[in-house]
């Protein structure tokens, strides 16, 4: 499954186009390297989304067969790190 599809299927982003844009901006890495949206994901890969407002690091545990609910999504990845970088929450 493609990286952008994985992020959408596992409810990390709301829309696949958001994942594609993040990859194009270079804020998404897989195993420490900047990744294209078309990169094929494998079990054991580490995905890092490093944006201005959030740092999210995930380890891929499995590949979902299709879009899954938020509750089921947690079965396909493990959160290594999740940091909120917003200074103020209005």
C-alpha atoms as a PDB file:
ATOM      1  CA  UNK A   1       0.000   0.000   0.000  1.00  0.00           C
ATOM      2  CA  UNK A   2       1.219   3.501  -0.851  1.00  0.00           C
ATOM      3  CA  UNK A   3       2.321   5.847   1.948  1.00  0.00           C
ATOM      4  CA  UNK A   4      -0.441   8.389   1.270  1.00  0.00           C
ATOM      5  CA  UNK A   5      -3.059   5.616   1.198  1.00  0.00           C
ATOM      6  CA  UNK A   6      -1.725   4.162   4.455  1.00  0.00           C
ATOM      7  CA  UNK A   7      -1.926   7.511   6.242  1.00  0.00           C
ATOM      8  CA  UNK A   8      -5.518   7.982   5.050  1.00  0.00           C
ATOM      9  CA  UNK A   9      -6.619   4.377   5.684  1.00  0.00           C
ATOM     10  CA  UNK A  10      -5.290   4.505   9.254  1.00  0.00           C
ATOM     11  CA  UNK A  11      -6.941   7.865  10.015  1.00  0.00           C
ATOM     12  CA  UNK A  12      -3.635   9.710  10.524  1.00  0.00           C
ATOM     13  CA  UNK A  13      -4.878  12.346   8.035  1.00  0.00           C
ATOM     14  CA  UNK A  14      -8.427  13.130   6.969  1.00  0.00           C
ATOM     15  CA  UNK A  15      -7.763  13.266   3.232  1.00  0.00           C
ATOM     16  CA  UNK A  16      -5.278  11.516   0.979  1.00  0.00           C
ATOM     17  CA  UNK A  17      -4.438  14.845  -0.665  1.00  0.00           C
ATOM     18  CA  UNK A  18      -3.233  16.122   2.738  1.00  0.00           C
ATOM     19  CA  UNK A  19      -0.808  13.203   2.900  1.00  0.00           C
ATOM     20  CA  UNK A  20       0.379  13.860  -0.658  1.00  0.00           C
ATOM     21  CA  UNK A  21       0.985  17.558   0.084  1.00  0.00           C
ATOM     22  CA  UNK A  22       2.905  16.726   3.259  1.00  0.00           C
ATOM     23  CA  UNK A  23       5.121  14.330   1.304  1.00  0.00           C
ATOM     24  CA  UNK A  24       5.709  16.948  -1.407  1.00  0.00           C
ATOM     25  CA  UNK A  25       6.751  19.486   1.260  1.00  0.00           C
ATOM     26  CA  UNK A  26       9.260  16.994   2.682  1.00  0.00           C
ATOM     27  CA  UNK A  27       7.743  16.751   6.160  1.00  0.00           C
ATOM     28  CA  UNK A  28       7.128  12.991   5.920  1.00  0.00           C
ATOM     29  CA  UNK A  29      10.009  10.562   6.290  1.00  0.00           C
ATOM     30  CA  UNK A  30      10.096   6.781   6.248  1.00  0.00           C
ATOM     31  CA  UNK A  31      12.978   5.099   8.034  1.00  0.00           C
ATOM     32  CA  UNK A  32      14.777   8.446   8.279  1.00  0.00           C
ATOM     33  CA  UNK A  33      14.539   9.393   4.585  1.00  0.00           C
ATOM     34  CA  UNK A  34      12.214  11.904   2.951  1.00  0.00           C
ATOM     35  CA  UNK A  35       9.489   9.836   1.297  1.00  0.00           C
ATOM     36  CA  UNK A  36       7.307  10.239  -1.753  1.00  0.00           C
ATOM     37  CA  UNK A  37       3.569   9.622  -1.467  1.00  0.00           C
ATOM     38  CA  UNK A  38       3.918   6.630  -3.790  1.00  0.00           C
ATOM     39  CA  UNK A  39       6.386   4.771  -1.537  1.00  0.00           C
ATOM     40  CA  UNK A  40       5.214   1.250  -0.744  1.00  0.00           C
ATOM     41  CA  UNK A  41       4.824   0.615   2.977  1.00  0.00           C
ATOM     42  CA  UNK A  42       5.993  -2.538   4.743  1.00  0.00           C
ATOM     43  CA  UNK A  43       5.584  -3.885   8.244  1.00  0.00           C
ATOM     44  CA  UNK A  44       8.311  -2.498  10.480  1.00  0.00           C
ATOM     45  CA  UNK A  45       8.698   0.817   8.632  1.00  0.00           C
ATOM     46  CA  UNK A  46       8.904   3.944  10.782  1.00  0.00           C
ATOM     47  CA  UNK A  47       6.950   6.981   9.549  1.00  0.00           C
ATOM     48  CA  UNK A  48       7.690  10.463  10.886  1.00  0.00           C
ATOM     49  CA  UNK A  49       5.441  13.442  10.163  1.00  0.00           C
ATOM     50  CA  UNK A  50       7.348  16.557  11.269  1.00  0.00           C
ATOM     51  CA  UNK A  51       5.153  19.633  10.754  1.00  0.00           C
ATOM     52  CA  UNK A  52       5.146  23.048  12.448  1.00  0.00           C
ATOM     53  CA  UNK A  53       2.327  22.091  14.803  1.00  0.00           C
ATOM     54  CA  UNK A  54       3.014  18.408  15.461  1.00  0.00           C
ATOM     55  CA  UNK A  55       5.665  15.717  15.486  1.00  0.00           C
ATOM     56  CA  UNK A  56       4.249  12.243  14.997  1.00  0.00           C
ATOM     57  CA  UNK A  57       6.340   9.084  14.765  1.00  0.00           C
ATOM     58  CA  UNK A  58       4.689   5.737  13.992  1.00  0.00           C
ATOM     59  CA  UNK A  59       5.833   2.166  13.472  1.00  0.00           C
ATOM     60  CA  UNK A  60       3.858   0.173  10.912  1.00  0.00           C
ATOM     61  CA  UNK A  61       2.526  -3.063  12.423  1.00  0.00           C
ATOM     62  CA  UNK A  62       0.385  -4.162   9.483  1.00  0.00           C
ATOM     63  CA  UNK A  63      -1.146  -3.027   6.220  1.00  0.00           C
ATOM     64  CA  UNK A  64      -4.923  -2.448   6.292  1.00  0.00           C
ATOM     65  CA  UNK A  65      -6.910  -4.031   3.443  1.00  0.00           C
ATOM     66  CA  UNK A  66      -8.993  -0.823   3.061  1.00  0.00           C
ATOM     67  CA  UNK A  67     -10.008   2.244   5.062  1.00  0.00           C
ATOM     68  CA  UNK A  68     -10.687   1.268   8.659  1.00  0.00           C
ATOM     69  CA  UNK A  69     -12.330   2.965  11.625  1.00  0.00           C
ATOM     70  CA  UNK A  70     -10.239   5.015  14.060  1.00  0.00           C
ATOM     71  CA  UNK A  71     -10.595   2.248  16.629  1.00  0.00           C
ATOM     72  CA  UNK A  72      -9.386  -0.452  14.205  1.00  0.00           C
ATOM     73  CA  UNK A  73      -6.599   1.779  12.863  1.00  0.00           C
ATOM     74  CA  UNK A  74      -4.592   1.410  16.077  1.00  0.00           C
ATOM     75  CA  UNK A  75      -4.081  -2.268  15.191  1.00  0.00           C
ATOM     76  CA  UNK A  76      -1.987  -1.266  12.166  1.00  0.00           C
ATOM     77  CA  UNK A  77       0.501   1.133  13.781  1.00  0.00           C
ATOM     78  CA  UNK A  78       2.193   1.909  17.077  1.00  0.00           C
ATOM     79  CA  UNK A  79       2.746   5.525  18.150  1.00  0.00           C
ATOM     80  CA  UNK A  80       6.372   6.013  19.132  1.00  0.00           C
ATOM     81  CA  UNK A  81       6.168   9.768  19.688  1.00  0.00           C
ATOM     82  CA  UNK A  82       3.388  12.362  19.442  1.00  0.00           C
ATOM     83  CA  UNK A  83       4.337  15.934  20.340  1.00  0.00           C
ATOM     84  CA  UNK A  84       2.043  18.954  20.074  1.00  0.00           C
ATOM     85  CA  UNK A  85       4.145  21.945  19.039  1.00  0.00           C
ATOM     86  CA  UNK A  86       1.472  24.618  19.252  1.00  0.00           C
ATOM     87  CA  UNK A  87       2.450  27.301  21.752  1.00  0.00           C
ATOM     88  CA  UNK A  88      -1.090  28.416  22.515  1.00  0.00           C
ATOM     89  CA  UNK A  89      -4.370  26.566  22.247  1.00  0.00           C
ATOM     90  CA  UNK A  90      -7.122  29.080  21.528  1.00  0.00           C
END
